[in-house]
N, C-alpha and C. Protein backbone atom coordinates (compact mmCIF):
# COMPACT_ATOMS: atom_id res chain seq x y z
N MET A 1 109.69 102.32 72.02
CA MET A 1 110.43 101.26 72.69
C MET A 1 110.48 101.55 74.18
N ALA A 2 110.20 100.56 74.99
CA ALA A 2 110.18 100.73 76.44
C ALA A 2 111.60 100.81 77.00
N ASP A 3 111.74 101.53 78.11
CA ASP A 3 113.03 101.61 78.77
C ASP A 3 113.40 100.23 79.30
N PRO A 4 114.69 99.89 79.28
CA PRO A 4 115.10 98.57 79.78
C PRO A 4 114.95 98.46 81.30
N VAL A 5 114.83 97.24 81.77
CA VAL A 5 114.75 96.97 83.20
C VAL A 5 116.18 96.82 83.73
N HIS A 6 116.46 97.48 84.84
CA HIS A 6 117.79 97.43 85.47
C HIS A 6 117.64 96.89 86.88
N GLU A 7 118.73 96.37 87.41
CA GLU A 7 118.77 96.07 88.83
C GLU A 7 119.39 97.30 89.49
N ILE A 8 118.68 97.83 90.49
CA ILE A 8 119.18 99.01 91.21
C ILE A 8 119.36 98.65 92.67
N GLU A 9 120.27 99.36 93.31
CA GLU A 9 120.53 99.16 94.74
C GLU A 9 120.45 100.51 95.43
N PHE A 10 119.74 100.54 96.54
CA PHE A 10 119.62 101.78 97.30
C PHE A 10 120.85 101.96 98.18
N ARG A 11 121.40 103.17 98.14
CA ARG A 11 122.64 103.50 98.84
C ARG A 11 122.44 103.87 100.30
N ARG A 12 121.21 104.23 100.63
CA ARG A 12 120.91 104.63 102.02
C ARG A 12 119.44 104.36 102.30
N PRO A 13 119.06 104.33 103.56
CA PRO A 13 117.65 104.10 103.90
C PRO A 13 116.77 105.22 103.34
N LEU A 14 115.56 104.86 102.96
CA LEU A 14 114.68 105.83 102.33
C LEU A 14 113.24 105.37 102.48
N CYS A 15 112.33 106.30 102.70
CA CYS A 15 110.89 106.02 102.65
C CYS A 15 110.37 106.66 101.38
N ILE A 16 109.72 105.87 100.55
CA ILE A 16 109.17 106.40 99.30
C ILE A 16 107.69 106.08 99.21
N THR A 17 106.95 107.01 98.66
CA THR A 17 105.53 106.81 98.42
C THR A 17 105.38 106.16 97.06
N LEU A 18 104.63 105.08 97.02
CA LEU A 18 104.40 104.39 95.76
C LEU A 18 103.07 104.79 95.18
N GLU A 19 103.05 104.96 93.90
CA GLU A 19 101.82 105.24 93.17
C GLU A 19 101.41 103.93 92.50
N GLY A 20 100.16 103.53 92.74
CA GLY A 20 99.67 102.30 92.14
C GLY A 20 99.13 102.53 90.75
N ARG A 21 98.61 101.50 90.17
CA ARG A 21 98.05 101.60 88.82
C ARG A 21 96.90 102.59 88.75
N SER A 22 96.20 102.80 89.85
CA SER A 22 95.06 103.73 89.87
C SER A 22 95.50 105.18 90.04
N LYS A 23 96.82 105.43 90.08
CA LYS A 23 97.42 106.77 90.24
C LYS A 23 97.25 107.34 91.64
N ARG A 24 96.72 106.55 92.57
CA ARG A 24 96.61 107.01 93.96
C ARG A 24 97.83 106.54 94.73
N ALA A 25 98.25 107.34 95.69
CA ALA A 25 99.38 106.97 96.52
C ALA A 25 99.00 105.80 97.42
N VAL A 26 99.91 104.88 97.59
CA VAL A 26 99.71 103.75 98.49
C VAL A 26 100.68 103.91 99.65
N PRO A 27 100.61 103.05 100.65
CA PRO A 27 101.48 103.23 101.81
C PRO A 27 102.95 103.36 101.44
N LEU A 28 103.67 104.00 102.34
CA LEU A 28 105.11 104.20 102.14
C LEU A 28 105.84 102.87 102.10
N LEU A 29 106.87 102.83 101.28
CA LEU A 29 107.77 101.69 101.23
C LEU A 29 109.04 102.10 101.94
N GLN A 30 109.39 101.39 102.99
CA GLN A 30 110.64 101.67 103.69
C GLN A 30 111.72 100.81 103.06
N VAL A 31 112.69 101.48 102.47
CA VAL A 31 113.76 100.80 101.77
C VAL A 31 115.01 100.86 102.64
N ARG A 32 115.66 99.73 102.81
CA ARG A 32 116.89 99.68 103.59
C ARG A 32 118.10 99.85 102.69
N LYS A 33 119.16 100.36 103.25
CA LYS A 33 120.42 100.48 102.51
C LYS A 33 120.81 99.09 102.02
N GLY A 34 121.18 98.99 100.75
CA GLY A 34 121.58 97.71 100.17
C GLY A 34 120.44 96.94 99.52
N SER A 35 119.19 97.41 99.68
CA SER A 35 118.05 96.73 99.04
C SER A 35 118.17 96.83 97.53
N ARG A 36 117.87 95.72 96.86
CA ARG A 36 117.94 95.68 95.40
C ARG A 36 116.57 95.37 94.80
N PHE A 37 116.30 96.02 93.68
CA PHE A 37 115.04 95.83 92.96
C PHE A 37 115.31 95.82 91.46
N HIS A 38 114.45 95.14 90.72
CA HIS A 38 114.45 95.24 89.27
C HIS A 38 113.39 96.26 88.90
N ALA A 39 113.77 97.23 88.08
CA ALA A 39 112.84 98.31 87.76
C ALA A 39 113.28 99.03 86.48
N ARG A 40 112.32 99.72 85.87
CA ARG A 40 112.63 100.65 84.79
C ARG A 40 112.90 102.00 85.43
N VAL A 41 113.95 102.67 85.00
CA VAL A 41 114.35 103.95 85.56
C VAL A 41 114.24 105.00 84.45
N VAL A 42 113.43 106.02 84.71
CA VAL A 42 113.25 107.10 83.73
C VAL A 42 113.84 108.38 84.34
N PRO A 43 115.04 108.75 83.89
CA PRO A 43 115.73 109.91 84.48
C PRO A 43 115.27 111.25 83.92
N TYR A 44 115.46 112.29 84.72
CA TYR A 44 115.21 113.66 84.27
C TYR A 44 115.90 114.62 85.23
N HIS A 45 116.02 115.88 84.84
CA HIS A 45 116.66 116.90 85.67
C HIS A 45 115.62 117.90 86.17
N LYS A 46 115.83 118.35 87.39
CA LYS A 46 115.08 119.47 87.98
C LYS A 46 116.14 120.43 88.47
N GLY A 47 116.38 121.46 87.69
CA GLY A 47 117.48 122.36 88.03
C GLY A 47 118.79 121.61 87.85
N ALA A 48 119.65 121.67 88.85
CA ALA A 48 120.95 120.99 88.77
C ALA A 48 120.89 119.55 89.26
N ALA A 49 119.78 119.15 89.87
CA ALA A 49 119.67 117.80 90.44
C ALA A 49 119.10 116.81 89.43
N GLU A 50 119.54 115.56 89.54
CA GLU A 50 119.04 114.50 88.67
C GLU A 50 118.12 113.58 89.47
N PHE A 51 116.95 113.35 88.93
CA PHE A 51 115.94 112.50 89.56
C PHE A 51 115.52 111.40 88.59
N ALA A 52 114.72 110.46 89.11
CA ALA A 52 114.16 109.42 88.25
C ALA A 52 112.80 109.01 88.77
N ASP A 53 111.95 108.62 87.85
CA ASP A 53 110.73 107.89 88.20
C ASP A 53 111.12 106.42 88.08
N ILE A 54 110.84 105.65 89.12
CA ILE A 54 111.22 104.24 89.15
C ILE A 54 109.96 103.39 89.05
N TYR A 55 109.89 102.59 88.00
CA TYR A 55 108.75 101.72 87.73
C TYR A 55 109.11 100.30 88.16
N PHE A 56 108.57 99.88 89.31
CA PHE A 56 108.87 98.57 89.86
C PHE A 56 108.06 97.49 89.16
N GLU A 57 108.56 96.26 89.24
CA GLU A 57 107.80 95.12 88.75
C GLU A 57 106.50 95.06 89.55
N GLY A 58 105.42 94.77 88.90
CA GLY A 58 104.12 94.73 89.57
C GLY A 58 103.31 95.99 89.36
N GLY A 59 103.94 97.02 88.78
CA GLY A 59 103.18 98.20 88.40
C GLY A 59 103.29 99.42 89.30
N ALA A 60 103.90 99.31 90.48
CA ALA A 60 104.04 100.47 91.36
C ALA A 60 105.12 101.41 90.83
N VAL A 61 104.93 102.72 91.10
CA VAL A 61 105.86 103.74 90.63
C VAL A 61 106.28 104.62 91.80
N ALA A 62 107.58 104.88 91.90
CA ALA A 62 108.10 105.86 92.85
C ALA A 62 108.56 107.05 92.02
N ARG A 63 108.02 108.21 92.30
CA ARG A 63 108.33 109.40 91.51
C ARG A 63 109.35 110.29 92.23
N GLU A 64 110.13 111.00 91.43
CA GLU A 64 111.09 112.01 91.92
C GLU A 64 112.07 111.45 92.95
N VAL A 65 112.68 110.31 92.64
CA VAL A 65 113.70 109.73 93.51
C VAL A 65 115.06 110.27 93.05
N ALA A 66 115.77 110.92 93.94
CA ALA A 66 117.07 111.49 93.60
C ALA A 66 118.07 110.38 93.30
N PHE A 67 118.88 110.59 92.28
CA PHE A 67 119.90 109.61 91.91
C PHE A 67 120.88 109.37 93.05
N ALA A 68 121.03 110.30 93.97
CA ALA A 68 121.93 110.13 95.10
C ALA A 68 121.52 108.96 95.99
N PHE A 69 120.26 108.54 95.91
CA PHE A 69 119.76 107.47 96.77
C PHE A 69 119.94 106.07 96.21
N PHE A 70 120.26 105.93 94.93
CA PHE A 70 120.38 104.58 94.36
C PHE A 70 121.45 104.56 93.28
N SER A 71 121.86 103.34 92.93
CA SER A 71 122.83 103.16 91.84
C SER A 71 122.43 101.93 91.05
N PHE A 72 122.97 101.83 89.85
CA PHE A 72 122.73 100.66 89.01
C PHE A 72 123.72 99.58 89.40
N VAL A 73 123.22 98.37 89.63
CA VAL A 73 124.09 97.29 90.08
C VAL A 73 125.12 96.92 89.02
N ASP A 74 124.74 96.98 87.75
CA ASP A 74 125.65 96.61 86.68
C ASP A 74 126.65 97.71 86.34
N ASP A 75 126.59 98.84 87.06
CA ASP A 75 127.51 99.95 86.84
C ASP A 75 128.77 99.73 87.68
N PRO A 76 129.94 99.56 87.06
CA PRO A 76 131.16 99.30 87.82
C PRO A 76 131.54 100.44 88.78
N ALA A 77 131.03 101.65 88.54
CA ALA A 77 131.34 102.78 89.42
C ALA A 77 130.41 102.83 90.63
N ALA A 78 129.42 101.94 90.69
CA ALA A 78 128.43 101.98 91.77
C ALA A 78 129.03 101.60 93.10
C-alpha cells in the first residue's frame, strides 16, 4: 500500500535538490517559508534526528529533508 499524500508547509526558507525520475539531480528548488505542496512523506531516523524523503506530485523527490523544515498542514500542532 502506498503512503498517503499530505499537504505540507515549509517552516523556513530552504534550497533542496530534486531527484527526477531518471535518478539524476535536477536544479535546486528554492522553497519559501509558508510554501505548501502535496506530497508523499516517507519518514526515517538518522541517529537522533528525524528526516523524510518527500515525493512531490510529478515524480520529483527531495531526499533527507529534516522534519524541522516542514510540517503537515492537517496537523493541529503545526
